[in-house]
Amino acid sequence: MNLTFTPEAISRVNALRQNLPGKLYLYYLTEGCGCENSGIFTLKLATQTTPEDTQFTSNLGPILIARWTAVFLEEQLKIDYDSKSNALILKSDSQFYNQNLLLMDADNNFVYIPKNEQ
C-alpha cells in the first residue's frame, strides 16, 4: 500500500501535530459503530504498537496500520486538504474513505487548531 499526502495536507498535518509525540497511524475507529466492519478511518499518533500493526510507505514517511484494516483500502491512496471545509480527505482514484479525516493524539483525543490560530 502507498499513501501520498498533497502539499496542502502535509502542511495541515504538521500544523495539527505540532510537537505531539508518536508515529502517524491510519487508524480504523470502530468505537460506537457496533462491529469491526462498521468504522471510519482517522489519523492517530501512536506511541506504542502491537503485533498486529504493520507499516506502509508514504511521502511523509512510514505510516502504521493494523493488518486487518488494510483489506478495506485500495493499494494507492491519497490524503488531501480542502481549505473551504477545513478538512483532510482520505481517498483513492475510485472513492472517498473519509471526507473529514481527523487527527487523534496518543491518548485518543482529537487534535484541533483554535479558529483564531488558523
PDB file of N, CA and C in Angstrom:
ATOM      1  N   MET A   1       0.844  -1.166   0.000  1.00  0.00           N
ATOM      2  CA  MET A   1       0.000   0.000   0.000  1.00  0.00           C
ATOM      3  C   MET A   1       0.894   1.234   0.000  1.00  0.00           C
ATOM      4  N   ASN A   2       0.443   2.274  -0.694  1.00  0.00           N
ATOM      5  CA  ASN A   2       1.179   3.527  -0.748  1.00  0.00           C
ATOM      6  C   ASN A   2       0.209   4.680  -0.523  1.00  0.00           C
ATOM      7  N   LEU A   3       0.626   5.638   0.275  1.00  0.00           N
ATOM      8  CA  LEU A   3      -0.185   6.799   0.602  1.00  0.00           C
ATOM      9  C   LEU A   3       0.576   8.057   0.213  1.00  0.00           C
ATOM     10  N   THR A   4      -0.085   8.932  -0.544  1.00  0.00           N
ATOM     11  CA  THR A   4       0.507  10.204  -0.936  1.00  0.00           C
ATOM     12  C   THR A   4      -0.252  11.334  -0.263  1.00  0.00           C
ATOM     13  N   PHE A   5       0.458  12.175   0.447  1.00  0.00           N
ATOM     14  CA  PHE A   5      -0.105  13.386   1.026  1.00  0.00           C
ATOM     15  C   PHE A   5       0.139  14.530   0.051  1.00  0.00           C
ATOM     16  N   THR A   6      -0.878  15.333  -0.235  1.00  0.00           N
ATOM     17  CA  THR A   6      -0.669  16.523  -1.046  1.00  0.00           C
ATOM     18  C   THR A   6       0.121  17.536  -0.216  1.00  0.00           C
ATOM     19  N   PRO A   7       0.768  18.515  -0.848  1.00  0.00           N
ATOM     20  CA  PRO A   7       1.484  19.533  -0.069  1.00  0.00           C
ATOM     21  C   PRO A   7       0.589  20.243   0.944  1.00  0.00           C
ATOM     22  N   GLU A   8      -0.668  20.504   0.572  1.00  0.00           N
ATOM     23  CA  GLU A   8      -1.605  21.157   1.492  1.00  0.00           C
ATOM     24  C   GLU A   8      -1.916  20.261   2.694  1.00  0.00           C
ATOM     25  N   ALA A   9      -2.051  18.966   2.444  1.00  0.00           N
ATOM     26  CA  ALA A   9      -2.311  18.023   3.529  1.00  0.00           C
ATOM     27  C   ALA A   9      -1.110  17.921   4.464  1.00  0.00           C
ATOM     28  N   ILE A  10       0.088  17.930   3.904  1.00  0.00           N
ATOM     29  CA  ILE A  10       1.301  17.889   4.738  1.00  0.00           C
ATOM     30  C   ILE A  10       1.338  19.104   5.653  1.00  0.00           C
ATOM     31  N   SER A  11       1.040  20.279   5.117  1.00  0.00           N
ATOM     32  CA  SER A  11       1.019  21.497   5.941  1.00  0.00           C
ATOM     33  C   SER A  11      -0.010  21.395   7.050  1.00  0.00           C
ATOM     34  N   ARG A  12      -1.192  20.873   6.724  1.00  0.00           N
ATOM     35  CA  ARG A  12      -2.255  20.757   7.718  1.00  0.00           C
ATOM     36  C   ARG A  12      -1.883  19.748   8.806  1.00  0.00           C
ATOM     37  N   VAL A  13      -1.362  18.596   8.420  1.00  0.00           N
ATOM     38  CA  VAL A  13      -0.959  17.584   9.400  1.00  0.00           C
ATOM     39  C   VAL A  13       0.132  18.143  10.311  1.00  0.00           C
ATOM     40  N   ASN A  14       1.106  18.820   9.735  1.00  0.00           N
ATOM     41  CA  ASN A  14       2.181  19.400  10.544  1.00  0.00           C
ATOM     42  C   ASN A  14       1.653  20.461  11.502  1.00  0.00           C
ATOM     43  N   ALA A  15       0.698  21.286  11.050  1.00  0.00           N
ATOM     44  CA  ALA A  15       0.102  22.309  11.914  1.00  0.00           C
ATOM     45  C   ALA A  15      -0.669  21.665  13.063  1.00  0.00           C
ATOM     46  N   LEU A  16      -1.406  20.604  12.777  1.00  0.00           N
ATOM     47  CA  LEU A  16      -2.154  19.908  13.821  1.00  0.00           C
ATOM     48  C   LEU A  16      -1.230  19.182  14.794  1.00  0.00           C
ATOM     49  N   ARG A  17      -0.230  18.556  14.229  1.00  0.00           N
ATOM     50  CA  ARG A  17       0.655  17.706  15.028  1.00  0.00           C
ATOM     51  C   ARG A  17       1.542  18.504  15.975  1.00  0.00           C
ATOM     52  N   GLN A  18       2.029  19.632  15.540  1.00  0.00           N
ATOM     53  CA  GLN A  18       2.961  20.455  16.300  1.00  0.00           C
ATOM     54  C   GLN A  18       4.075  19.591  16.860  1.00  0.00           C
ATOM     55  N   ASN A  19       4.203  19.522  18.176  1.00  0.00           N
ATOM     56  CA  ASN A  19       5.265  18.728  18.810  1.00  0.00           C
ATOM     57  C   ASN A  19       4.727  17.484  19.498  1.00  0.00           C
ATOM     58  N   LEU A  20       3.535  17.038  19.123  1.00  0.00           N
ATOM     59  CA  LEU A  20       2.960  15.854  19.758  1.00  0.00           C
ATOM     60  C   LEU A  20       3.762  14.608  19.396  1.00  0.00           C
ATOM     61  N   PRO A  21       3.999  13.725  20.365  1.00  0.00           N
ATOM     62  CA  PRO A  21       4.795  12.522  20.095  1.00  0.00           C
ATOM     63  C   PRO A  21       3.988  11.461  19.354  1.00  0.00           C
ATOM     64  N   GLY A  22       4.710  10.582  18.686  1.00  0.00           N
ATOM     65  CA  GLY A  22       4.094   9.419  18.072  1.00  0.00           C
ATOM     66  C   GLY A  22       4.289   9.354  16.566  1.00  0.00           C
ATOM     67  N   LYS A  23       4.101   8.141  16.049  1.00  0.00           N
ATOM     68  CA  LYS A  23       4.157   7.899  14.615  1.00  0.00           C
ATOM     69  C   LYS A  23       2.747   7.996  14.046  1.00  0.00           C
ATOM     70  N   LEU A  24       2.646   8.456  12.804  1.00  0.00           N
ATOM     71  CA  LEU A  24       1.337   8.516  12.168  1.00  0.00           C
ATOM     72  C   LEU A  24       0.787   7.115  11.943  1.00  0.00           C
ATOM     73  N   TYR A  25      -0.465   6.948  12.265  1.00  0.00           N
ATOM     74  CA  TYR A  25      -1.144   5.663  12.199  1.00  0.00           C
ATOM     75  C   TYR A  25      -2.469   5.888  11.489  1.00  0.00           C
ATOM     76  N   LEU A  26      -2.725   5.158  10.406  1.00  0.00           N
ATOM     77  CA  LEU A  26      -4.024   5.203   9.743  1.00  0.00           C
ATOM     78  C   LEU A  26      -4.920   4.246  10.510  1.00  0.00           C
ATOM     79  N   TYR A  27      -5.701   4.798  11.395  1.00  0.00           N
ATOM     80  CA  TYR A  27      -6.420   4.053  12.427  1.00  0.00           C
ATOM     81  C   TYR A  27      -7.882   3.869  12.042  1.00  0.00           C
ATOM     82  N   TYR A  28      -8.379   2.658  12.201  1.00  0.00           N
ATOM     83  CA  TYR A  28      -9.770   2.334  11.904  1.00  0.00           C
ATOM     84  C   TYR A  28     -10.564   2.419  13.192  1.00  0.00           C
ATOM     85  N   LEU A  29     -11.295   3.500  13.349  1.00  0.00           N
ATOM     86  CA  LEU A  29     -12.049   3.787  14.565  1.00  0.00           C
ATOM     87  C   LEU A  29     -13.406   3.118  14.497  1.00  0.00           C
ATOM     88  N   THR A  30     -13.662   2.186  15.414  1.00  0.00           N
ATOM     89  CA  THR A  30     -14.932   1.461  15.430  1.00  0.00           C
ATOM     90  C   THR A  30     -15.763   1.790  16.659  1.00  0.00           C
ATOM     91  N   GLU A  31     -15.260   2.636  17.535  1.00  0.00           N
ATOM     92  CA  GLU A  31     -15.975   2.965  18.766  1.00  0.00           C
ATOM     93  C   GLU A  31     -17.355   3.539  18.437  1.00  0.00           C
ATOM     94  N   GLY A  32     -18.379   2.937  18.998  1.00  0.00           N
ATOM     95  CA  GLY A  32     -19.739   3.400  18.782  1.00  0.00           C
ATOM     96  C   GLY A  32     -20.346   2.960  17.467  1.00  0.00           C
ATOM     97  N   CYS A  33     -19.609   2.162  16.681  1.00  0.00           N
ATOM     98  CA  CYS A  33     -20.096   1.734  15.367  1.00  0.00           C
ATOM     99  C   CYS A  33     -20.807   0.383  15.415  1.00  0.00           C
ATOM    100  N   GLY A  34     -20.595  -0.393  16.444  1.00  0.00           N
ATOM    101  CA  GLY A  34     -21.329  -1.649  16.593  1.00  0.00           C
ATOM    102  C   GLY A  34     -20.555  -2.894  16.225  1.00  0.00           C
ATOM    103  N   CYS A  35     -19.723  -2.832  15.177  1.00  0.00           N
ATOM    104  CA  CYS A  35     -18.938  -4.028  14.819  1.00  0.00           C
ATOM    105  C   CYS A  35     -17.693  -3.597  14.056  1.00  0.00           C
ATOM    106  N   GLU A  36     -16.765  -4.522  13.875  1.00  0.00           N
ATOM    107  CA  GLU A  36     -15.492  -4.202  13.223  1.00  0.00           C
ATOM    108  C   GLU A  36     -15.646  -3.822  11.760  1.00  0.00           C
ATOM    109  N   ASN A  37     -16.716  -4.257  11.116  1.00  0.00           N
ATOM    110  CA  ASN A  37     -16.914  -3.925   9.707  1.00  0.00           C
ATOM    111  C   ASN A  37     -17.588  -2.575   9.525  1.00  0.00           C
ATOM    112  N   SER A  38     -17.879  -1.893  10.605  1.00  0.00           N
ATOM    113  CA  SER A  38     -18.536  -0.599  10.545  1.00  0.00           C
ATOM    114  C   SER A  38     -17.681   0.395  11.312  1.00  0.00           C
ATOM    115  N   GLY A  39     -16.876   1.144  10.611  1.00  0.00           N
ATOM    116  CA  GLY A  39     -15.984   2.093  11.250  1.00  0.00           C
ATOM    117  C   GLY A  39     -15.595   3.170  10.273  1.00  0.00           C
ATOM    118  N   ILE A  40     -14.669   4.003  10.708  1.00  0.00           N
ATOM    119  CA  ILE A  40     -14.182   5.091   9.868  1.00  0.00           C
ATOM    120  C   ILE A  40     -12.687   5.265  10.129  1.00  0.00           C
ATOM    121  N   PHE A  41     -11.962   5.573   9.071  1.00  0.00           N
ATOM    122  CA  PHE A  41     -10.529   5.797   9.224  1.00  0.00           C
ATOM    123  C   PHE A  41     -10.283   7.200   9.747  1.00  0.00           C
ATOM    124  N   THR A  42      -9.264   7.301  10.589  1.00  0.00           N
ATOM    125  CA  THR A  42      -8.788   8.568  11.106  1.00  0.00           C
ATOM    126  C   THR A  42      -7.268   8.483  11.188  1.00  0.00           C
ATOM    127  N   LEU A  43      -6.619   9.574  11.426  1.00  0.00           N
ATOM    128  CA  LEU A  43      -5.177   9.562  11.680  1.00  0.00           C
ATOM    129  C   LEU A  43      -4.973   9.610  13.184  1.00  0.00           C
ATOM    130  N   LYS A  44      -4.017   8.850  13.646  1.00  0.00           N
ATOM    131  CA  LYS A  44      -3.716   8.809  15.069  1.00  0.00           C
ATOM    132  C   LYS A  44      -2.205   8.872  15.241  1.00  0.00           C
ATOM    133  N   LEU A  45      -1.772   9.454  16.337  1.00  0.00           N
ATOM    134  CA  LEU A  45      -0.359   9.436  16.691  1.00  0.00           C
ATOM    135  C   LEU A  45      -0.156   8.303  17.685  1.00  0.00           C
ATOM    136  N   ALA A  46       0.582   7.294  17.285  1.00  0.00           N
ATOM    137  CA  ALA A  46       0.784   6.103  18.109  1.00  0.00           C
ATOM    138  C   ALA A  46       2.167   6.136  18.744  1.00  0.00           C
ATOM    139  N   THR A  47       2.196   5.991  20.063  1.00  0.00           N
ATOM    140  CA  THR A  47       3.476   5.912  20.771  1.00  0.00           C
ATOM    141  C   THR A  47       3.837   4.475  21.095  1.00  0.00           C
ATOM    142  N   GLN A  48       2.859   3.566  20.939  1.00  0.00           N
ATOM    143  CA  GLN A  48       3.099   2.140  21.140  1.00  0.00           C
ATOM    144  C   GLN A  48       2.466   1.383  19.984  1.00  0.00           C
ATOM    145  N   THR A  49       3.053   0.253  19.641  1.00  0.00           N
ATOM    146  CA  THR A  49       2.495  -0.583  18.587  1.00  0.00           C
ATOM    147  C   THR A  49       2.153  -1.955  19.162  1.00  0.00           C
ATOM    148  N   THR A  50       1.388  -2.704  18.386  1.00  0.00           N
ATOM    149  CA  THR A  50       1.022  -4.062  18.775  1.00  0.00           C
ATOM    150  C   THR A  50       1.520  -5.011  17.688  1.00  0.00           C
ATOM    151  N   PRO A  51       1.526  -6.312  17.939  1.00  0.00           N
ATOM    152  CA  PRO A  51       1.957  -7.261  16.908  1.00  0.00           C
ATOM    153  C   PRO A  51       1.093  -7.235  15.646  1.00  0.00           C
ATOM    154  N   GLU A  52      -0.138  -6.751  15.736  1.00  0.00           N
ATOM    155  CA  GLU A  52      -0.993  -6.693  14.543  1.00  0.00           C
ATOM    156  C   GLU A  52      -0.710  -5.483  13.659  1.00  0.00           C
ATOM    157  N   ASP A  53       0.144  -4.561  14.122  1.00  0.00           N
ATOM    158  CA  ASP A  53       0.463  -3.366  13.344  1.00  0.00           C
ATOM    159  C   ASP A  53       1.560  -3.642  12.327  1.00  0.00           C
ATOM    160  N   THR A  54       1.429  -2.984  11.199  1.00  0.00           N
ATOM    161  CA  THR A  54       2.436  -3.060  10.147  1.00  0.00           C
ATOM    162  C   THR A  54       2.627  -1.659   9.587  1.00  0.00           C
ATOM    163  N   GLN A  55       3.661  -1.472   8.790  1.00  0.00           N
ATOM    164  CA  GLN A  55       3.944  -0.174   8.185  1.00  0.00           C
ATOM    165  C   GLN A  55       3.752  -0.242   6.684  1.00  0.00           C
ATOM    166  N   PHE A  56       3.403   0.902   6.110  1.00  0.00           N
ATOM    167  CA  PHE A  56       3.419   1.041   4.661  1.00  0.00           C
ATOM    168  C   PHE A  56       4.014   2.407   4.338  1.00  0.00           C
ATOM    169  N   THR A  57       4.300   2.641   3.072  1.00  0.00           N
ATOM    170  CA  THR A  57       5.040   3.833   2.683  1.00  0.00           C
ATOM    171  C   THR A  57       4.127   5.015   2.370  1.00  0.00           C
ATOM    172  N   SER A  58       4.698   6.197   2.595  1.00  0.00           N
ATOM    173  CA  SER A  58       4.053   7.445   2.205  1.00  0.00           C
ATOM    174  C   SER A  58       5.151   8.472   1.935  1.00  0.00           C
ATOM    175  N   ASN A  59       4.777   9.560   1.294  1.00  0.00           N
ATOM    176  CA  ASN A  59       5.745  10.625   1.068  1.00  0.00           C
ATOM    177  C   ASN A  59       5.981  11.455   2.326  1.00  0.00           C
ATOM    178  N   LEU A  60       5.325  11.098   3.421  1.00  0.00           N
ATOM    179  CA  LEU A  60       5.542  11.740   4.712  1.00  0.00           C
ATOM    180  C   LEU A  60       6.267  10.798   5.674  1.00  0.00           C
ATOM    181  N   GLY A  61       6.737   9.674   5.148  1.00  0.00           N
ATOM    182  CA  GLY A  61       7.423   8.675   5.962  1.00  0.00           C
ATOM    183  C   GLY A  61       6.540   7.462   6.182  1.00  0.00           C
ATOM    184  N   PRO A  62       7.031   6.487   6.957  1.00  0.00           N
ATOM    185  CA  PRO A  62       6.245   5.275   7.217  1.00  0.00           C
ATOM    186  C   PRO A  62       4.952   5.594   7.964  1.00  0.00           C
ATOM    187  N   ILE A  63       3.888   4.894   7.608  1.00  0.00           N
ATOM    188  CA  ILE A  63       2.588   5.030   8.256  1.00  0.00           C
ATOM    189  C   ILE A  63       2.214   3.672   8.837  1.00  0.00           C
ATOM    190  N   LEU A  64       1.755   3.652  10.064  1.00  0.00           N
ATOM    191  CA  LEU A  64       1.306   2.413  10.695  1.00  0.00           C
ATOM    192  C   LEU A  64      -0.153   2.129  10.344  1.00  0.00           C
ATOM    193  N   ILE A  65      -0.496   0.856  10.334  1.00  0.00           N
ATOM    194  CA  ILE A  65      -1.873   0.419  10.135  1.00  0.00           C
ATOM    195  C   ILE A  65      -2.029  -0.970  10.745  1.00  0.00           C
ATOM    196  N   ALA A  66      -3.203  -1.280  11.271  1.00  0.00           N
ATOM    197  CA  ALA A  66      -3.485  -2.639  11.732  1.00  0.00           C
ATOM    198  C   ALA A  66      -3.694  -3.507  10.496  1.00  0.00           C
ATOM    199  N   ARG A  67      -3.025  -4.647  10.444  1.00  0.00           N
ATOM    200  CA  ARG A  67      -3.098  -5.527   9.266  1.00  0.00           C
ATOM    201  C   ARG A  67      -4.538  -5.815   8.842  1.00  0.00           C
ATOM    202  N   TRP A  68      -5.414  -6.097   9.797  1.00  0.00           N
ATOM    203  CA  TRP A  68      -6.777  -6.494   9.462  1.00  0.00           C
ATOM    204  C   TRP A  68      -7.584  -5.369   8.832  1.00  0.00           C
ATOM    205  N   THR A  69      -7.177  -4.103   9.041  1.00  0.00           N
ATOM    206  CA  THR A  69      -7.930  -2.988   8.455  1.00  0.00           C
ATOM    207  C   THR A  69      -7.480  -2.655   7.043  1.00  0.00           C
ATOM    208  N   ALA A  70      -6.302  -3.105   6.652  1.00  0.00           N
ATOM    209  CA  ALA A  70      -5.788  -2.800   5.316  1.00  0.00           C
ATOM    210  C   ALA A  70      -6.670  -3.371   4.207  1.00  0.00           C
ATOM    211  N   VAL A  71      -7.422  -4.430   4.505  1.00  0.00           N
ATOM    212  CA  VAL A  71      -8.285  -5.037   3.487  1.00  0.00           C
ATOM    213  C   VAL A  71      -9.404  -4.099   3.049  1.00  0.00           C
ATOM    214  N   PHE A  72      -9.701  -3.070   3.825  1.00  0.00           N
ATOM    215  CA  PHE A  72     -10.756  -2.121   3.477  1.00  0.00           C
ATOM    216  C   PHE A  72     -10.279  -1.054   2.492  1.00  0.00           C
ATOM    217  N   LEU A  73      -8.970  -1.009   2.233  1.00  0.00           N
ATOM    218  CA  LEU A  73      -8.379   0.075   1.449  1.00  0.00           C
ATOM    219  C   LEU A  73      -7.801  -0.409   0.127  1.00  0.00           C
ATOM    220  N   GLU A  74      -7.719   0.507  -0.825  1.00  0.00           N
ATOM    221  CA  GLU A  74      -7.079   0.210  -2.102  1.00  0.00           C
ATOM    222  C   GLU A  74      -5.564   0.369  -1.967  1.00  0.00           C
ATOM    223  N   GLU A  75      -4.848  -0.083  -2.973  1.00  0.00           N
ATOM    224  CA  GLU A  75      -3.388  -0.068  -2.948  1.00  0.00           C
ATOM    225  C   GLU A  75      -2.804   1.350  -2.974  1.00  0.00           C
ATOM    226  N   GLN A  76      -3.401   2.242  -3.763  1.00  0.00           N
ATOM    227  CA  GLN A  76      -2.923   3.618  -3.891  1.00  0.00           C
ATOM    228  C   GLN A  76      -3.928   4.567  -3.246  1.00  0.00           C
ATOM    229  N   LEU A  77      -3.473   5.297  -2.242  1.00  0.00           N
ATOM    230  CA  LEU A  77      -4.331   6.218  -1.500  1.00  0.00           C
ATOM    231  C   LEU A  77      -3.745   7.621  -1.512  1.00  0.00           C
ATOM    232  N   LYS A  78      -4.616   8.596  -1.239  1.00  0.00           N
ATOM    233  CA  LYS A  78      -4.175   9.991  -1.166  1.00  0.00           C
ATOM    234  C   LYS A  78      -4.872  10.662   0.003  1.00  0.00           C
ATOM    235  N   ILE A  79      -4.128  11.528   0.695  1.00  0.00           N
ATOM    236  CA  ILE A  79      -4.731  12.422   1.676  1.00  0.00           C
ATOM    237  C   ILE A  79      -4.544  13.836   1.165  1.00  0.00           C
ATOM    238  N   ASP A  80      -5.665  14.525   1.007  1.00  0.00           N
ATOM    239  CA  ASP A  80      -5.692  15.894   0.507  1.00  0.00           C
ATOM    240  C   ASP A  80      -6.266  16.788   1.598  1.00  0.00           C
ATOM    241  N   TYR A  81      -6.203  18.100   1.376  1.00  0.00           N
ATOM    242  CA  TYR A  81      -6.779  19.055   2.321  1.00  0.00           C
ATOM    243  C   TYR A  81      -7.665  20.016   1.557  1.00  0.00           C
ATOM    244  N   ASP A  82      -8.887  20.201   2.037  1.00  0.00           N
ATOM    245  CA  ASP A  82      -9.821  21.158   1.456  1.00  0.00           C
ATOM    246  C   ASP A  82      -9.936  22.348   2.408  1.00  0.00           C
ATOM    247  N   SER A  83      -9.411  23.482   1.993  1.00  0.00           N
ATOM    248  CA  SER A  83      -9.409  24.660   2.862  1.00  0.00           C
ATOM    249  C   SER A  83     -10.817  25.212   3.089  1.00  0.00           C
ATOM    250  N   LYS A  84     -11.724  25.028   2.143  1.00  0.00           N
ATOM    251  CA  LYS A  84     -13.092  25.539   2.307  1.00  0.00           C
ATOM    252  C   LYS A  84     -13.807  24.833   3.459  1.00  0.00           C
ATOM    253  N   SER A  85     -13.638  23.519   3.548  1.00  0.00           N
ATOM    254  CA  SER A  85     -14.274  22.770   4.634  1.00  0.00           C
ATOM    255  C   SER A  85     -13.314  22.548   5.810  1.00  0.00           C
ATOM    256  N   ASN A  86     -12.067  22.994   5.640  1.00  0.00           N
ATOM    257  CA  ASN A  86     -11.035  22.845   6.671  1.00  0.00           C
ATOM    258  C   ASN A  86     -10.869  21.380   7.068  1.00  0.00           C
ATOM    259  N   ALA A  87     -10.846  20.500   6.051  1.00  0.00           N
ATOM    260  CA  ALA A  87     -10.839  19.064   6.332  1.00  0.00           C
ATOM    261  C   ALA A  87      -9.789  18.330   5.509  1.00  0.00           C
ATOM    262  N   LEU A  88      -9.155  17.353   6.166  1.00  0.00           N
ATOM    263  CA  LEU A  88      -8.315  16.388   5.463  1.00  0.00           C
ATOM    264  C   LEU A  88      -9.235  15.350   4.840  1.00  0.00           C
ATOM    265  N   ILE A  89      -8.861  14.840   3.673  1.00  0.00           N
ATOM    266  CA  ILE A  89      -9.703  13.896   2.940  1.00  0.00           C
ATOM    267  C   ILE A  89      -8.882  12.682   2.560  1.00  0.00           C
ATOM    268  N   LEU A  90      -9.329  11.498   2.988  1.00  0.00           N
ATOM    269  CA  LEU A  90      -8.704  10.229   2.602  1.00  0.00           C
ATOM    270  C   LEU A  90      -9.480   9.677   1.411  1.00  0.00           C
ATOM    271  N   LYS A  91      -8.761   9.447   0.295  1.00  0.00           N
ATOM    272  CA  LYS A  91      -9.437   8.990  -0.916  1.00  0.00           C
ATOM    273  C   LYS A  91      -8.503   8.154  -1.776  1.00  0.00           C
ATOM    274  N   SER A  92      -9.102   7.537  -2.786  1.00  0.00           N
ATOM    275  CA  SER A  92      -8.360   6.834  -3.827  1.00  0.00           C
ATOM    276  C   SER A  92      -8.864   7.400  -5.150  1.00  0.00           C
ATOM    277  N   ASP A  93      -8.412   6.828  -6.253  1.00  0.00           N
ATOM    278  CA  ASP A  93      -8.917   7.276  -7.554  1.00  0.00           C
ATOM    279  C   ASP A  93     -10.383   6.930  -7.752  1.00  0.00           C
ATOM    280  N   SER A  94     -10.884   5.946  -7.006  1.00  0.00           N
ATOM    281  CA  SER A  94     -12.258   5.495  -7.250  1.00  0.00           C
ATOM    282  C   SER A  94     -13.256   5.839  -6.144  1.00  0.00           C
ATOM    283  N   GLN A  95     -12.788   6.278  -4.962  1.00  0.00           N
ATOM    284  CA  GLN A  95     -13.750   6.561  -3.902  1.00  0.00           C
ATOM    285  C   GLN A  95     -13.158   7.418  -2.795  1.00  0.00           C
ATOM    286  N   PHE A  96     -14.058   7.962  -1.972  1.00  0.00           N
ATOM    287  CA  PHE A  96     -13.681   8.667  -0.749  1.00  0.00           C
ATOM    288  C   PHE A  96     -13.836   7.688   0.411  1.00  0.00           C
ATOM    289  N   TYR A  97     -12.851   7.676   1.299  1.00  0.00           N
ATOM    290  CA  TYR A  97     -12.939   6.858   2.505  1.00  0.00           C
ATOM    291  C   TYR A  97     -13.372   7.702   3.701  1.00  0.00           C
ATOM    292  N   ASN A  98     -12.914   8.938   3.752  1.00  0.00           N
ATOM    293  CA  ASN A  98     -13.306   9.850   4.821  1.00  0.00           C
ATOM    294  C   ASN A  98     -13.068  11.272   4.328  1.00  0.00           C
ATOM    295  N   GLN A  99     -14.119  12.071   4.295  1.00  0.00           N
ATOM    296  CA  GLN A  99     -14.010  13.452   3.831  1.00  0.00           C
ATOM    297  C   GLN A  99     -13.794  14.433   4.969  1.00  0.00           C
ATOM    298  N   ASN A 100     -13.611  13.914   6.171  1.00  0.00           N
ATOM    299  CA  ASN A 100     -13.264  14.735   7.327  1.00  0.00           C
ATOM    300  C   ASN A 100     -12.347  13.917   8.232  1.00  0.00           C
ATOM    301  N   LEU A 101     -11.167  13.636   7.727  1.00  0.00           N
ATOM    302  CA  LEU A 101     -10.179  12.811   8.417  1.00  0.00           C
ATOM    303  C   LEU A 101      -9.583  13.606   9.574  1.00  0.00           C
ATOM    304  N   LEU A 102      -9.864  13.181  10.788  1.00  0.00           N
ATOM    305  CA  LEU A 102      -9.392  13.884  11.973  1.00  0.00           C
ATOM    306  C   LEU A 102      -8.086  13.272  12.466  1.00  0.00           C
ATOM    307  N   LEU A 103      -7.368  14.030  13.290  1.00  0.00           N
ATOM    308  CA  LEU A 103      -6.132  13.557  13.913  1.00  0.00           C
ATOM    309  C   LEU A 103      -6.377  13.375  15.402  1.00  0.00           C
ATOM    310  N   MET A 104      -5.983  12.202  15.903  1.00  0.00           N
ATOM    311  CA  MET A 104      -6.069  11.902  17.334  1.00  0.00           C
ATOM    312  C   MET A 104      -4.664  11.827  17.916  1.00  0.00           C
ATOM    313  N   ASP A 105      -4.517  12.296  19.150  1.00  0.00           N
ATOM    314  CA  ASP A 105      -3.219  12.141  19.804  1.00  0.00           C
ATOM    315  C   ASP A 105      -3.112  10.739  20.391  1.00  0.00           C
ATOM    316  N   ALA A 106      -2.008  10.452  21.038  1.00  0.00           N
ATOM    317  CA  ALA A 106      -1.764   9.107  21.577  1.00  0.00           C
ATOM    318  C   ALA A 106      -2.731   8.731  22.691  1.00  0.00           C
ATOM    319  N   ASP A 107      -3.412   9.731  23.272  1.00  0.00           N
ATOM    320  CA  ASP A 107      -4.398   9.473  24.329  1.00  0.00           C
ATOM    321  C   ASP A 107      -5.824   9.438  23.795  1.00  0.00           C
ATOM    322  N   ASN A 108      -5.972   9.343  22.467  1.00  0.00           N
ATOM    323  CA  ASN A 108      -7.274   9.269  21.787  1.00  0.00           C
ATOM    324  C   ASN A 108      -8.099  10.544  21.881  1.00  0.00           C
ATOM    325  N   ASN A 109      -7.441  11.685  22.041  1.00  0.00           N
ATOM    326  CA  ASN A 109      -8.115  12.980  22.000  1.00  0.00           C
ATOM    327  C   ASN A 109      -7.971  13.556  20.598  1.00  0.00           C
ATOM    328  N   PHE A 110      -9.045  14.109  20.056  1.00  0.00           N
ATOM    329  CA  PHE A 110      -8.939  14.736  18.744  1.00  0.00           C
ATOM    330  C   PHE A 110      -8.180  16.047  18.860  1.00  0.00           C
ATOM    331  N   VAL A 111      -7.328  16.319  17.871  1.00  0.00           N
ATOM    332  CA  VAL A 111      -6.480  17.498  17.875  1.00  0.00           C
ATOM    333  C   VAL A 111      -7.101  18.543  16.950  1.00  0.00           C
ATOM    334  N   TYR A 112      -7.309  19.735  17.494  1.00  0.00           N
ATOM    335  CA  TYR A 112      -7.877  20.838  16.728  1.00  0.00           C
ATOM    336  C   TYR A 112      -6.975  22.052  16.839  1.00  0.00           C
ATOM    337  N   ILE A 113      -7.107  22.950  15.885  1.00  0.00           N
ATOM    338  CA  ILE A 113      -6.450  24.249  15.962  1.00  0.00           C
ATOM    339  C   ILE A 113      -7.556  25.262  16.224  1.00  0.00           C
ATOM    340  N   PRO A 114      -7.435  26.046  17.312  1.00  0.00           N
ATOM    341  CA  PRO A 114      -8.468  27.054  17.564  1.00  0.00           C
ATOM    342  C   PRO A 114      -8.640  27.991  16.364  1.00  0.00           C
ATOM    343  N   LYS A 115      -9.878  28.421  16.121  1.00  0.00           N
ATOM    344  CA  LYS A 115     -10.208  29.261  14.963  1.00  0.00           C
ATOM    345  C   LYS A 115      -9.277  30.462  14.826  1.00  0.00           C
ATOM    346  N   ASN A 116      -8.955  31.122  15.944  1.00  0.00           N
ATOM    347  CA  ASN A 116      -8.133  32.330  15.870  1.00  0.00           C
ATOM    348  C   ASN A 116      -6.675  32.049  15.559  1.00  0.00           C
ATOM    349  N   GLU A 117      -6.259  30.773  15.519  1.00  0.00           N
ATOM    350  CA  GLU A 117      -4.873  30.415  15.195  1.00  0.00           C
ATOM    351  C   GLU A 117      -4.738  29.840  13.797  1.00  0.00           C
ATOM    352  N   GLN A 118      -5.845  29.695  13.076  1.00  0.00           N
ATOM    353  CA  GLN A 118      -5.785  29.105  11.736  1.00  0.00           C
ATOM    354  C   GLN A 118      -5.376  30.129  10.706  1.00  0.00           C
TER     355      GLN A 118
END
